[in-house]
């Protein structure tokens, strides 16, 4: 799959921020599905928006947190321009989503960064 993504991205006509019918970008889909190689590849592109939101306001970080994708959360948090406090349409942050889903390992990981606001209200 990585080779296919590389081939598509090498084509100048492909927008890496294009969205499907649910508002999901390739980065959002890769983050949600736990496709680390593809997430890394997309994040290496300066044109990819790591804070893109789907129709429910979820970011790639929120989707990875919800699914318990620890390696993906780590990759996204290592990206300077990722907003770990972005809220979805319900006002939930990635931390709130991880708590709601019972993803203790993700909660710990998010709280270990200096970027996450543990007092954010939904």
PDB file of N, CA and C in Angstrom:
ATOM      1  N   UNK A   1       0.820  -1.199   0.000  1.00  0.00           N
ATOM      2  CA  UNK A   1       0.000   0.000   0.000  1.00  0.00           C
ATOM      3  C   UNK A   1       0.861   1.259   0.000  1.00  0.00           C
ATOM      4  N   UNK A   2       1.978   1.213   0.721  1.00  0.00           N
ATOM      5  CA  UNK A   2       2.852   2.371   0.767  1.00  0.00           C
ATOM      6  C   UNK A   2       3.340   2.733  -0.627  1.00  0.00           C
ATOM      7  N   UNK A   3       3.690   1.735  -1.417  1.00  0.00           N
ATOM      8  CA  UNK A   3       4.179   1.983  -2.776  1.00  0.00           C
ATOM      9  C   UNK A   3       3.100   2.649  -3.625  1.00  0.00           C
ATOM     10  N   UNK A   4       1.875   2.258  -3.431  1.00  0.00           N
ATOM     11  CA  UNK A   4       0.769   2.868  -4.184  1.00  0.00           C
ATOM     12  C   UNK A   4       0.610   4.331  -3.789  1.00  0.00           C
ATOM     13  N   UNK A   5       0.674   4.602  -2.487  1.00  0.00           N
ATOM     14  CA  UNK A   5       0.563   5.984  -2.003  1.00  0.00           C
ATOM     15  C   UNK A   5       1.721   6.821  -2.538  1.00  0.00           C
ATOM     16  N   UNK A   6       2.925   6.268  -2.508  1.00  0.00           N
ATOM     17  CA  UNK A   6       4.093   6.987  -3.044  1.00  0.00           C
ATOM     18  C   UNK A   6       3.897   7.320  -4.509  1.00  0.00           C
ATOM     19  N   UNK A   7       3.391   6.358  -5.269  1.00  0.00           N
ATOM     20  CA  UNK A   7       3.147   6.571  -6.690  1.00  0.00           C
ATOM     21  C   UNK A   7       2.116   7.681  -6.913  1.00  0.00           C
ATOM     22  N   UNK A   8       1.045   7.644  -6.153  1.00  0.00           N
ATOM     23  CA  UNK A   8       0.008   8.676  -6.279  1.00  0.00           C
ATOM     24  C   UNK A   8       0.538  10.057  -5.897  1.00  0.00           C
ATOM     25  N   UNK A   9       1.318  10.112  -4.828  1.00  0.00           N
ATOM     26  CA  UNK A   9       1.836  11.397  -4.369  1.00  0.00           C
ATOM     27  C   UNK A   9       2.866  11.978  -5.328  1.00  0.00           C
ATOM     28  N   UNK A  10       3.520  11.112  -6.086  1.00  0.00           N
ATOM     29  CA  UNK A  10       4.502  11.572  -7.068  1.00  0.00           C
ATOM     30  C   UNK A  10       3.825  12.262  -8.251  1.00  0.00           C
ATOM     31  N   UNK A  11       2.539  12.028  -8.392  1.00  0.00           N
ATOM     32  CA  UNK A  11       1.763  12.669  -9.456  1.00  0.00           C
ATOM     33  C   UNK A  11       1.367  14.060  -8.987  1.00  0.00           C
ATOM     34  N   UNK A  12       1.674  15.059  -9.759  1.00  0.00           N
ATOM     35  CA  UNK A  12       1.380  16.437  -9.364  1.00  0.00           C
ATOM     36  C   UNK A  12      -0.106  16.738  -9.256  1.00  0.00           C
ATOM     37  N   UNK A  13      -0.938  15.914  -9.852  1.00  0.00           N
ATOM     38  CA  UNK A  13      -2.380  16.184  -9.868  1.00  0.00           C
ATOM     39  C   UNK A  13      -3.101  15.685  -8.621  1.00  0.00           C
ATOM     40  N   UNK A  14      -2.414  14.994  -7.728  1.00  0.00           N
ATOM     41  CA  UNK A  14      -3.047  14.431  -6.537  1.00  0.00           C
ATOM     42  C   UNK A  14      -2.929  15.411  -5.372  1.00  0.00           C
ATOM     43  N   UNK A  15      -4.075  15.742  -4.781  1.00  0.00           N
ATOM     44  CA  UNK A  15      -4.110  16.630  -3.619  1.00  0.00           C
ATOM     45  C   UNK A  15      -4.097  15.767  -2.361  1.00  0.00           C
ATOM     46  N   UNK A  16      -3.005  15.802  -1.564  1.00  0.00           N
ATOM     47  CA  UNK A  16      -2.941  14.956  -0.374  1.00  0.00           C
ATOM     48  C   UNK A  16      -3.930  15.357   0.720  1.00  0.00           C
ATOM     49  N   UNK A  17      -4.617  16.484   0.533  1.00  0.00           N
ATOM     50  CA  UNK A  17      -5.623  16.934   1.501  1.00  0.00           C
ATOM     51  C   UNK A  17      -7.044  16.743   0.988  1.00  0.00           C
ATOM     52  N   UNK A  18      -7.193  16.006  -0.121  1.00  0.00           N
ATOM     53  CA  UNK A  18      -8.531  15.771  -0.654  1.00  0.00           C
ATOM     54  C   UNK A  18      -9.332  14.950   0.353  1.00  0.00           C
ATOM     55  N   UNK A  19     -10.630  15.146   0.349  1.00  0.00           N
ATOM     56  CA  UNK A  19     -11.498  14.486   1.326  1.00  0.00           C
ATOM     57  C   UNK A  19     -12.506  13.597   0.633  1.00  0.00           C
ATOM     58  N   UNK A  20     -12.868  12.502   1.313  1.00  0.00           N
ATOM     59  CA  UNK A  20     -13.909  11.623   0.799  1.00  0.00           C
ATOM     60  C   UNK A  20     -15.280  12.144   1.231  1.00  0.00           C
ATOM     61  N   UNK A  21     -16.306  11.350   1.025  1.00  0.00           N
ATOM     62  CA  UNK A  21     -17.676  11.789   1.335  1.00  0.00           C
ATOM     63  C   UNK A  21     -17.911  12.040   2.818  1.00  0.00           C
ATOM     64  N   UNK A  22     -17.045  11.510   3.681  1.00  0.00           N
ATOM     65  CA  UNK A  22     -17.170  11.730   5.120  1.00  0.00           C
ATOM     66  C   UNK A  22     -16.203  12.805   5.616  1.00  0.00           C
ATOM     67  N   UNK A  23     -15.496  13.415   4.677  1.00  0.00           N
ATOM     68  CA  UNK A  23     -14.550  14.463   5.039  1.00  0.00           C
ATOM     69  C   UNK A  23     -13.201  13.947   5.492  1.00  0.00           C
ATOM     70  N   UNK A  24     -12.931  12.671   5.262  1.00  0.00           N
ATOM     71  CA  UNK A  24     -11.664  12.068   5.680  1.00  0.00           C
ATOM     72  C   UNK A  24     -10.589  12.265   4.616  1.00  0.00           C
ATOM     73  N   UNK A  25      -9.423  12.691   5.045  1.00  0.00           N
ATOM     74  CA  UNK A  25      -8.274  12.832   4.157  1.00  0.00           C
ATOM     75  C   UNK A  25      -7.482  11.527   4.177  1.00  0.00           C
ATOM     76  N   UNK A  26      -6.517  11.374   3.264  1.00  0.00           N
ATOM     77  CA  UNK A  26      -5.669  10.180   3.327  1.00  0.00           C
ATOM     78  C   UNK A  26      -4.968  10.037   4.683  1.00  0.00           C
ATOM     79  N   UNK A  27      -4.542  11.150   5.275  1.00  0.00           N
ATOM     80  CA  UNK A  27      -3.898  11.087   6.585  1.00  0.00           C
ATOM     81  C   UNK A  27      -4.876  10.609   7.651  1.00  0.00           C
ATOM     82  N   UNK A  28      -6.092  11.102   7.615  1.00  0.00           N
ATOM     83  CA  UNK A  28      -7.116  10.674   8.576  1.00  0.00           C
ATOM     84  C   UNK A  28      -7.375   9.179   8.464  1.00  0.00           C
ATOM     85  N   UNK A  29      -7.517   8.695   7.243  1.00  0.00           N
ATOM     86  CA  UNK A  29      -7.773   7.268   7.026  1.00  0.00           C
ATOM     87  C   UNK A  29      -6.606   6.412   7.501  1.00  0.00           C
ATOM     88  N   UNK A  30      -5.391   6.836   7.161  1.00  0.00           N
ATOM     89  CA  UNK A  30      -4.202   6.079   7.574  1.00  0.00           C
ATOM     90  C   UNK A  30      -4.060   6.083   9.096  1.00  0.00           C
ATOM     91  N   UNK A  31      -4.340   7.214   9.724  1.00  0.00           N
ATOM     92  CA  UNK A  31      -4.249   7.313  11.184  1.00  0.00           C
ATOM     93  C   UNK A  31      -5.279   6.406  11.849  1.00  0.00           C
ATOM     94  N   UNK A  32      -6.488   6.434  11.353  1.00  0.00           N
ATOM     95  CA  UNK A  32      -7.566   5.627  11.925  1.00  0.00           C
ATOM     96  C   UNK A  32      -7.291   4.128  11.767  1.00  0.00           C
ATOM     97  N   UNK A  33      -6.710   3.747  10.634  1.00  0.00           N
ATOM     98  CA  UNK A  33      -6.454   2.336  10.357  1.00  0.00           C
ATOM     99  C   UNK A  33      -5.115   1.839  10.905  1.00  0.00           C
ATOM    100  N   UNK A  34      -4.322   2.747  11.472  1.00  0.00           N
ATOM    101  CA  UNK A  34      -3.051   2.338  12.051  1.00  0.00           C
ATOM    102  C   UNK A  34      -1.966   2.056  11.034  1.00  0.00           C
ATOM    103  N   UNK A  35      -2.003   2.722   9.916  1.00  0.00           N
ATOM    104  CA  UNK A  35      -1.017   2.535   8.838  1.00  0.00           C
ATOM    105  C   UNK A  35       0.160   3.480   9.046  1.00  0.00           C
ATOM    106  N   UNK A  36       1.074   3.087   9.933  1.00  0.00           N
ATOM    107  CA  UNK A  36       2.194   3.933  10.322  1.00  0.00           C
ATOM    108  C   UNK A  36       3.079   4.389   9.181  1.00  0.00           C
ATOM    109  N   UNK A  37       3.417   3.486   8.263  1.00  0.00           N
ATOM    110  CA  UNK A  37       4.281   3.859   7.141  1.00  0.00           C
ATOM    111  C   UNK A  37       3.641   4.950   6.289  1.00  0.00           C
ATOM    112  N   UNK A  38       2.350   4.838   6.098  1.00  0.00           N
ATOM    113  CA  UNK A  38       1.647   5.828   5.274  1.00  0.00           C
ATOM    114  C   UNK A  38       1.515   7.145   6.024  1.00  0.00           C
ATOM    115  N   UNK A  39       1.250   7.086   7.323  1.00  0.00           N
ATOM    116  CA  UNK A  39       1.196   8.304   8.129  1.00  0.00           C
ATOM    117  C   UNK A  39       2.542   9.025   8.050  1.00  0.00           C
ATOM    118  N   UNK A  40       3.634   8.285   8.223  1.00  0.00           N
ATOM    119  CA  UNK A  40       4.974   8.881   8.136  1.00  0.00           C
ATOM    120  C   UNK A  40       5.211   9.522   6.776  1.00  0.00           C
ATOM    121  N   UNK A  41       4.841   8.818   5.736  1.00  0.00           N
ATOM    122  CA  UNK A  41       5.018   9.321   4.376  1.00  0.00           C
ATOM    123  C   UNK A  41       4.235  10.612   4.166  1.00  0.00           C
ATOM    124  N   UNK A  42       3.002  10.624   4.607  1.00  0.00           N
ATOM    125  CA  UNK A  42       2.167  11.817   4.426  1.00  0.00           C
ATOM    126  C   UNK A  42       2.661  12.984   5.279  1.00  0.00           C
ATOM    127  N   UNK A  43       3.073  12.704   6.506  1.00  0.00           N
ATOM    128  CA  UNK A  43       3.560  13.777   7.375  1.00  0.00           C
ATOM    129  C   UNK A  43       4.855  14.388   6.852  1.00  0.00           C
ATOM    130  N   UNK A  44       5.622  13.607   6.115  1.00  0.00           N
ATOM    131  CA  UNK A  44       6.882  14.115   5.549  1.00  0.00           C
ATOM    132  C   UNK A  44       6.630  15.151   4.459  1.00  0.00           C
ATOM    133  N   UNK A  45       5.410  15.175   3.953  1.00  0.00           N
ATOM    134  CA  UNK A  45       5.056  16.161   2.928  1.00  0.00           C
ATOM    135  C   UNK A  45       4.669  17.467   3.609  1.00  0.00           C
ATOM    136  N   UNK A  46       5.212  18.543   3.164  1.00  0.00           N
ATOM    137  CA  UNK A  46       4.880  19.846   3.756  1.00  0.00           C
ATOM    138  C   UNK A  46       3.471  20.303   3.402  1.00  0.00           C
ATOM    139  N   UNK A  47       2.861  19.664   2.418  1.00  0.00           N
ATOM    140  CA  UNK A  47       1.544  20.091   1.958  1.00  0.00           C
ATOM    141  C   UNK A  47       0.389  19.440   2.715  1.00  0.00           C
ATOM    142  N   UNK A  48       0.662  18.451   3.539  1.00  0.00           N
ATOM    143  CA  UNK A  48      -0.395  17.717   4.231  1.00  0.00           C
ATOM    144  C   UNK A  48      -0.803  18.460   5.505  1.00  0.00           C
ATOM    145  N   UNK A  49      -2.114  18.622   5.680  1.00  0.00           N
ATOM    146  CA  UNK A  49      -2.645  19.298   6.870  1.00  0.00           C
ATOM    147  C   UNK A  49      -2.909  18.273   7.967  1.00  0.00           C
ATOM    148  N   UNK A  50      -2.086  18.237   9.027  1.00  0.00           N
ATOM    149  CA  UNK A  50      -2.288  17.249  10.085  1.00  0.00           C
ATOM    150  C   UNK A  50      -3.475  17.566  10.994  1.00  0.00           C
ATOM    151  N   UNK A  51      -4.079  18.727  10.808  1.00  0.00           N
ATOM    152  CA  UNK A  51      -5.226  19.139  11.614  1.00  0.00           C
ATOM    153  C   UNK A  51      -6.530  19.149  10.827  1.00  0.00           C
ATOM    154  N   UNK A  52      -6.534  18.481   9.673  1.00  0.00           N
ATOM    155  CA  UNK A  52      -7.750  18.441   8.870  1.00  0.00           C
ATOM    156  C   UNK A  52      -8.872  17.791   9.685  1.00  0.00           C
ATOM    157  N   UNK A  53     -10.080  18.261   9.445  1.00  0.00           N
ATOM    158  CA  UNK A  53     -11.229  17.737  10.189  1.00  0.00           C
ATOM    159  C   UNK A  53     -12.210  17.073   9.243  1.00  0.00           C
ATOM    160  N   UNK A  54     -12.787  15.968   9.711  1.00  0.00           N
ATOM    161  CA  UNK A  54     -13.814  15.301   8.930  1.00  0.00           C
ATOM    162  C   UNK A  54     -15.164  15.962   9.201  1.00  0.00           C
ATOM    163  N   UNK A  55     -16.218  15.371   8.702  1.00  0.00           N
ATOM    164  CA  UNK A  55     -17.548  15.986   8.843  1.00  0.00           C
ATOM    165  C   UNK A  55     -18.009  16.090  10.297  1.00  0.00           C
ATOM    166  N   UNK A  56     -17.401  15.329  11.190  1.00  0.00           N
ATOM    167  CA  UNK A  56     -17.747  15.393  12.612  1.00  0.00           C
ATOM    168  C   UNK A  56     -16.750  16.228  13.407  1.00  0.00           C
ATOM    169  N   UNK A  57     -15.779  16.798  12.700  1.00  0.00           N
ATOM    170  CA  UNK A  57     -14.779  17.639  13.350  1.00  0.00           C
ATOM    171  C   UNK A  57     -13.603  16.877  13.933  1.00  0.00           C
ATOM    172  N   UNK A  58     -13.521  15.588  13.645  1.00  0.00           N
ATOM    173  CA  UNK A  58     -12.420  14.772  14.160  1.00  0.00           C
ATOM    174  C   UNK A  58     -11.160  14.983  13.328  1.00  0.00           C
ATOM    175  N   UNK A  59     -10.032  15.087  14.015  1.00  0.00           N
ATOM    176  CA  UNK A  59      -8.734  15.212  13.357  1.00  0.00           C
ATOM    177  C   UNK A  59      -8.077  13.828  13.277  1.00  0.00           C
ATOM    178  N   UNK A  60      -6.997  13.706  12.502  1.00  0.00           N
ATOM    179  CA  UNK A  60      -6.278  12.427  12.497  1.00  0.00           C
ATOM    180  C   UNK A  60      -5.856  11.992  13.906  1.00  0.00           C
ATOM    181  N   UNK A  61      -5.450  12.936  14.744  1.00  0.00           N
ATOM    182  CA  UNK A  61      -5.053  12.599  16.113  1.00  0.00           C
ATOM    183  C   UNK A  61      -6.235  12.062  16.911  1.00  0.00           C
ATOM    184  N   UNK A  62      -7.383  12.666  16.773  1.00  0.00           N
ATOM    185  CA  UNK A  62      -8.583  12.187  17.463  1.00  0.00           C
ATOM    186  C   UNK A  62      -8.955  10.781  17.013  1.00  0.00           C
ATOM    187  N   UNK A  63      -8.868  10.541  15.711  1.00  0.00           N
ATOM    188  CA  UNK A  63      -9.218   9.231  15.172  1.00  0.00           C
ATOM    189  C   UNK A  63      -8.253   8.155  15.662  1.00  0.00           C
ATOM    190  N   UNK A  64      -6.967   8.480  15.693  1.00  0.00           N
ATOM    191  CA  UNK A  64      -5.965   7.531  16.184  1.00  0.00           C
ATOM    192  C   UNK A  64      -6.154   7.282  17.678  1.00  0.00           C
ATOM    193  N   UNK A  65      -6.467   8.334  18.437  1.00  0.00           N
ATOM    194  CA  UNK A  65      -6.698   8.192  19.873  1.00  0.00           C
ATOM    195  C   UNK A  65      -7.915   7.313  20.133  1.00  0.00           C
ATOM    196  N   UNK A  66      -8.957   7.515  19.366  1.00  0.00           N
ATOM    197  CA  UNK A  66     -10.188   6.734  19.535  1.00  0.00           C
ATOM    198  C   UNK A  66      -9.945   5.251  19.304  1.00  0.00           C
ATOM    199  N   UNK A  67      -9.132   4.932  18.305  1.00  0.00           N
ATOM    200  CA  UNK A  67      -8.866   3.534  17.967  1.00  0.00           C
ATOM    201  C   UNK A  67      -7.731   2.923  18.785  1.00  0.00           C
ATOM    202  N   UNK A  68      -7.079   3.733  19.625  1.00  0.00           N
ATOM    203  CA  UNK A  68      -5.990   3.208  20.443  1.00  0.00           C
ATOM    204  C   UNK A  68      -4.713   2.961  19.667  1.00  0.00           C
ATOM    205  N   UNK A  69      -4.488   3.732  18.628  1.00  0.00           N
ATOM    206  CA  UNK A  69      -3.305   3.577  17.762  1.00  0.00           C
ATOM    207  C   UNK A  69      -2.123   4.344  18.359  1.00  0.00           C
ATOM    208  N   UNK A  70      -1.483   3.752  19.341  1.00  0.00           N
ATOM    209  CA  UNK A  70      -0.417   4.428  20.089  1.00  0.00           C
ATOM    210  C   UNK A  70       0.716   4.918  19.189  1.00  0.00           C
ATOM    211  N   UNK A  71       1.210   4.079  18.302  1.00  0.00           N
ATOM    212  CA  UNK A  71       2.322   4.473  17.420  1.00  0.00           C
ATOM    213  C   UNK A  71       1.929   5.653  16.538  1.00  0.00           C
ATOM    214  N   UNK A  72       0.695   5.689  16.099  1.00  0.00           N
ATOM    215  CA  UNK A  72       0.225   6.787  15.254  1.00  0.00           C
ATOM    216  C   UNK A  72       0.104   8.068  16.075  1.00  0.00           C
ATOM    217  N   UNK A  73      -0.423   7.953  17.287  1.00  0.00           N
ATOM    218  CA  UNK A  73      -0.521   9.118  18.170  1.00  0.00           C
ATOM    219  C   UNK A  73       0.866   9.695  18.408  1.00  0.00           C
ATOM    220  N   UNK A  74       1.847   8.828  18.641  1.00  0.00           N
ATOM    221  CA  UNK A  74       3.225   9.284  18.835  1.00  0.00           C
ATOM    222  C   UNK A  74       3.755  10.019  17.608  1.00  0.00           C
ATOM    223  N   UNK A  75       3.500   9.467  16.426  1.00  0.00           N
ATOM    224  CA  UNK A  75       3.942  10.115  15.187  1.00  0.00           C
ATOM    225  C   UNK A  75       3.310  11.499  15.034  1.00  0.00           C
ATOM    226  N   UNK A  76       2.022  11.568  15.275  1.00  0.00           N
ATOM    227  CA  UNK A  76       1.314  12.835  15.112  1.00  0.00           C
ATOM    228  C   UNK A  76       1.763  13.871  16.145  1.00  0.00           C
ATOM    229  N   UNK A  77       1.961  13.441  17.379  1.00  0.00           N
ATOM    230  CA  UNK A  77       2.408  14.374  18.418  1.00  0.00           C
ATOM    231  C   UNK A  77       3.821  14.894  18.147  1.00  0.00           C
ATOM    232  N   UNK A  78       4.608  14.130  17.432  1.00  0.00           N
ATOM    233  CA  UNK A  78       5.976  14.547  17.104  1.00  0.00           C
ATOM    234  C   UNK A  78       5.996  15.602  15.995  1.00  0.00           C
ATOM    235  N   UNK A  79       4.864  15.797  15.352  1.00  0.00           N
ATOM    236  CA  UNK A  79       4.752  16.798  14.295  1.00  0.00           C
ATOM    237  C   UNK A  79       4.475  18.152  14.941  1.00  0.00           C
ATOM    238  N   UNK A  80       5.304  19.128  14.639  1.00  0.00           N
ATOM    239  CA  UNK A  80       5.220  20.440  15.293  1.00  0.00           C
ATOM    240  C   UNK A  80       3.881  21.133  15.158  1.00  0.00           C
ATOM    241  N   UNK A  81       3.236  20.990  14.021  1.00  0.00           N
ATOM    242  CA  UNK A  81       2.017  21.777  13.812  1.00  0.00           C
ATOM    243  C   UNK A  81       0.724  21.009  14.084  1.00  0.00           C
ATOM    244  N   UNK A  82       0.791  19.902  14.799  1.00  0.00           N
ATOM    245  CA  UNK A  82      -0.420  19.183  15.193  1.00  0.00           C
ATOM    246  C   UNK A  82      -1.007  19.866  16.427  1.00  0.00           C
ATOM    247  N   UNK A  83      -2.310  20.132  16.376  1.00  0.00           N
ATOM    248  CA  UNK A  83      -2.996  20.741  17.515  1.00  0.00           C
ATOM    249  C   UNK A  83      -3.630  19.638  18.367  1.00  0.00           C
ATOM    250  N   UNK A  84      -3.038  19.281  19.500  1.00  0.00           N
ATOM    251  CA  UNK A  84      -3.581  18.195  20.320  1.00  0.00           C
ATOM    252  C   UNK A  84      -4.811  18.603  21.125  1.00  0.00           C
ATOM    253  N   UNK A  85      -5.184  19.870  21.048  1.00  0.00           N
ATOM    254  CA  UNK A  85      -6.348  20.364  21.783  1.00  0.00           C
ATOM    255  C   UNK A  85      -7.514  20.719  20.866  1.00  0.00           C
ATOM    256  N   UNK A  86      -7.423  20.319  19.605  1.00  0.00           N
ATOM    257  CA  UNK A  86      -8.487  20.593  18.648  1.00  0.00           C
ATOM    258  C   UNK A  86      -9.760  19.877  19.084  1.00  0.00           C
ATOM    259  N   UNK A  87     -10.887  20.566  18.954  1.00  0.00           N
ATOM    260  CA  UNK A  87     -12.163  19.997  19.390  1.00  0.00           C
ATOM    261  C   UNK A  87     -13.031  19.596  18.202  1.00  0.00           C
ATOM    262  N   UNK A  88     -13.755  18.498  18.380  1.00  0.00           N
ATOM    263  CA  UNK A  88     -14.687  18.059  17.342  1.00  0.00           C
ATOM    264  C   UNK A  88     -16.029  18.774  17.535  1.00  0.00           C
ATOM    265  N   UNK A  89     -17.034  18.365  16.793  1.00  0.00           N
ATOM    266  CA  UNK A  89     -18.334  19.051  16.856  1.00  0.00           C
ATOM    267  C   UNK A  89     -19.008  18.932  18.223  1.00  0.00           C
ATOM    268  N   UNK A  90     -18.610  17.956  19.017  1.00  0.00           N
ATOM    269  CA  UNK A  90     -19.153  17.793  20.375  1.00  0.00           C
ATOM    270  C   UNK A  90     -18.291  18.499  21.412  1.00  0.00           C
ATOM    271  N   UNK A  91     -17.198  19.102  20.955  1.00  0.00           N
ATOM    272  CA  UNK A  91     -16.289  19.778  21.867  1.00  0.00           C
ATOM    273  C   UNK A  91     -15.254  18.858  22.492  1.00  0.00           C
ATOM    274  N   UNK A  92     -15.132  17.644  21.969  1.00  0.00           N
ATOM    275  CA  UNK A  92     -14.186  16.676  22.507  1.00  0.00           C
ATOM    276  C   UNK A  92     -12.805  16.839  21.886  1.00  0.00           C
ATOM    277  N   UNK A  93     -11.789  16.786  22.725  1.00  0.00           N
ATOM    278  CA  UNK A  93     -10.402  16.817  22.266  1.00  0.00           C
ATOM    279  C   UNK A  93      -9.921  15.372  22.106  1.00  0.00           C
ATOM    280  N   UNK A  94      -8.744  15.165  21.509  1.00  0.00           N
ATOM    281  CA  UNK A  94      -8.209  13.793  21.457  1.00  0.00           C
ATOM    282  C   UNK A  94      -8.094  13.162  22.842  1.00  0.00           C
ATOM    283  N   UNK A  95      -7.725  13.946  23.847  1.00  0.00           N
ATOM    284  CA  UNK A  95      -7.652  13.427  25.213  1.00  0.00           C
ATOM    285  C   UNK A  95      -9.032  12.977  25.691  1.00  0.00           C
ATOM    286  N   UNK A  96     -10.043  13.797  25.466  1.00  0.00           N
ATOM    287  CA  UNK A  96     -11.412  13.448  25.866  1.00  0.00           C
ATOM    288  C   UNK A  96     -11.875  12.168  25.174  1.00  0.00           C
ATOM    289  N   UNK A  97     -11.544  12.052  23.901  1.00  0.00           N
ATOM    290  CA  UNK A  97     -11.928  10.864  23.125  1.00  0.00           C
ATOM    291  C   UNK A  97     -11.247   9.628  23.696  1.00  0.00           C
ATOM    292  N   UNK A  98      -9.947   9.741  24.009  1.00  0.00           N
ATOM    293  CA  UNK A  98      -9.206   8.603  24.570  1.00  0.00           C
ATOM    294  C   UNK A  98      -9.786   8.185  25.918  1.00  0.00           C
ATOM    295  N   UNK A  99     -10.153   9.165  26.740  1.00  0.00           N
ATOM    296  CA  UNK A  99     -10.770   8.862  28.043  1.00  0.00           C
ATOM    297  C   UNK A  99     -12.106   8.163  27.822  1.00  0.00           C
ATOM    298  N   UNK A 100     -12.926   8.725  26.938  1.00  0.00           N
ATOM    299  CA  UNK A 100     -14.257   8.178  26.658  1.00  0.00           C
ATOM    300  C   UNK A 100     -14.189   6.742  26.151  1.00  0.00           C
ATOM    301  N   UNK A 101     -13.155   6.432  25.358  1.00  0.00           N
ATOM    302  CA  UNK A 101     -12.998   5.099  24.781  1.00  0.00           C
ATOM    303  C   UNK A 101     -12.241   4.135  25.698  1.00  0.00           C
ATOM    304  N   UNK A 102     -11.781   4.622  26.856  1.00  0.00           N
ATOM    305  CA  UNK A 102     -11.050   3.767  27.773  1.00  0.00           C
ATOM    306  C   UNK A 102      -9.656   3.402  27.296  1.00  0.00           C
ATOM    307  N   UNK A 103      -9.027   4.302  26.563  1.00  0.00           N
ATOM    308  CA  UNK A 103      -7.688   4.071  26.007  1.00  0.00           C
ATOM    309  C   UNK A 103      -6.633   4.640  26.953  1.00  0.00           C
ATOM    310  N   UNK A 104      -6.416   3.964  28.086  1.00  0.00           N
ATOM    311  CA  UNK A 104      -5.500   4.439  29.117  1.00  0.00           C
ATOM    312  C   UNK A 104      -4.102   4.732  28.618  1.00  0.00           C
ATOM    313  N   UNK A 105      -3.588   3.874  27.767  1.00  0.00           N
ATOM    314  CA  UNK A 105      -2.238   4.059  27.228  1.00  0.00           C
ATOM    315  C   UNK A 105      -2.145   5.356  26.415  1.00  0.00           C
ATOM    316  N   UNK A 106      -3.200   5.668  25.683  1.00  0.00           N
ATOM    317  CA  UNK A 106      -3.237   6.889  24.884  1.00  0.00           C
ATOM    318  C   UNK A 106      -3.381   8.104  25.803  1.00  0.00           C
ATOM    319  N   UNK A 107      -4.211   7.977  26.832  1.00  0.00           N
ATOM    320  CA  UNK A 107      -4.383   9.063  27.808  1.00  0.00           C
ATOM    321  C   UNK A 107      -3.030   9.400  28.428  1.00  0.00           C
ATOM    322  N   UNK A 108      -2.304   8.387  28.858  1.00  0.00           N
ATOM    323  CA  UNK A 108      -0.983   8.604  29.443  1.00  0.00           C
ATOM    324  C   UNK A 108      -0.042   9.285  28.465  1.00  0.00           C
ATOM    325  N   UNK A 109      -0.053   8.827  27.241  1.00  0.00           N
ATOM    326  CA  UNK A 109       0.805   9.393  26.207  1.00  0.00           C
ATOM    327  C   UNK A 109       0.472  10.865  25.960  1.00  0.00           C
ATOM    328  N   UNK A 110      -0.805  11.177  25.845  1.00  0.00           N
ATOM    329  CA  UNK A 110      -1.218  12.561  25.609  1.00  0.00           C
ATOM    330  C   UNK A 110      -0.864  13.452  26.794  1.00  0.00           C
ATOM    331  N   UNK A 111      -1.086  12.955  27.999  1.00  0.00           N
ATOM    332  CA  UNK A 111      -0.788  13.755  29.189  1.00  0.00           C
ATOM    333  C   UNK A 111       0.713  13.967  29.389  1.00  0.00           C
ATOM    334  N   UNK A 112       1.517  13.074  28.833  1.00  0.00           N
ATOM    335  CA  UNK A 112       2.970  13.180  28.976  1.00  0.00           C
ATOM    336  C   UNK A 112       3.555  14.324  28.140  1.00  0.00           C
ATOM    337  N   UNK A 113       2.772  14.829  27.203  1.00  0.00           N
ATOM    338  CA  UNK A 113       3.260  15.958  26.405  1.00  0.00           C
ATOM    339  C   UNK A 113       2.936  17.258  27.134  1.00  0.00           C
ATOM    340  N   UNK A 114       3.655  18.266  26.821  1.00  0.00           N
ATOM    341  CA  UNK A 114       3.382  19.591  27.409  1.00  0.00           C
ATOM    342  C   UNK A 114       2.363  20.358  26.574  1.00  0.00           C
ATOM    343  N   UNK A 115       1.860  19.735  25.530  1.00  0.00           N
ATOM    344  CA  UNK A 115       0.975  20.419  24.587  1.00  0.00           C
ATOM    345  C   UNK A 115      -0.509  20.235  24.903  1.00  0.00           C
ATOM    346  N   UNK A 116      -0.852  19.207  25.654  1.00  0.00           N
ATOM    347  CA  UNK A 116      -2.247  18.859  25.886  1.00  0.00           C
ATOM    348  C   UNK A 116      -2.797  19.575  27.119  1.00  0.00           C
ATOM    349  N   UNK A 117      -3.976  20.158  26.964  1.00  0.00           N
ATOM    350  CA  UNK A 117      -4.636  20.839  28.075  1.00  0.00           C
ATOM    351  C   UNK A 117      -5.550  19.831  28.779  1.00  0.00           C
ATOM    352  N   UNK A 118      -5.163  19.351  29.965  1.00  0.00           N
ATOM    353  CA  UNK A 118      -5.985  18.363  30.662  1.00  0.00           C
ATOM    354  C   UNK A 118      -7.261  18.958  31.252  1.00  0.00           C
ATOM    355  N   UNK A 119      -7.375  20.265  31.264  1.00  0.00           N
ATOM    356  CA  UNK A 119      -8.543  20.932  31.837  1.00  0.00           C
ATOM    357  C   UNK A 119      -9.533  21.426  30.789  1.00  0.00           C
ATOM    358  N   UNK A 120      -9.339  21.044  29.554  1.00  0.00           N
ATOM    359  CA  UNK A 120     -10.228  21.470  28.479  1.00  0.00           C
ATOM    360  C   UNK A 120     -11.643  20.952  28.731  1.00  0.00           C
ATOM    361  N   UNK A 121     -12.623  21.784  28.494  1.00  0.00           N
ATOM    362  CA  UNK A 121     -14.031  21.415  28.696  1.00  0.00           C
ATOM    363  C   UNK A 121     -14.707  21.197  27.341  1.00  0.00           C
ATOM    364  N   UNK A 122     -15.629  20.218  27.300  1.00  0.00           N
ATOM    365  CA  UNK A 122     -16.383  20.012  26.066  1.00  0.00           C
ATOM    366  C   UNK A 122     -17.673  20.785  26.105  1.00  0.00           C
TER     367      UNK A 122
END
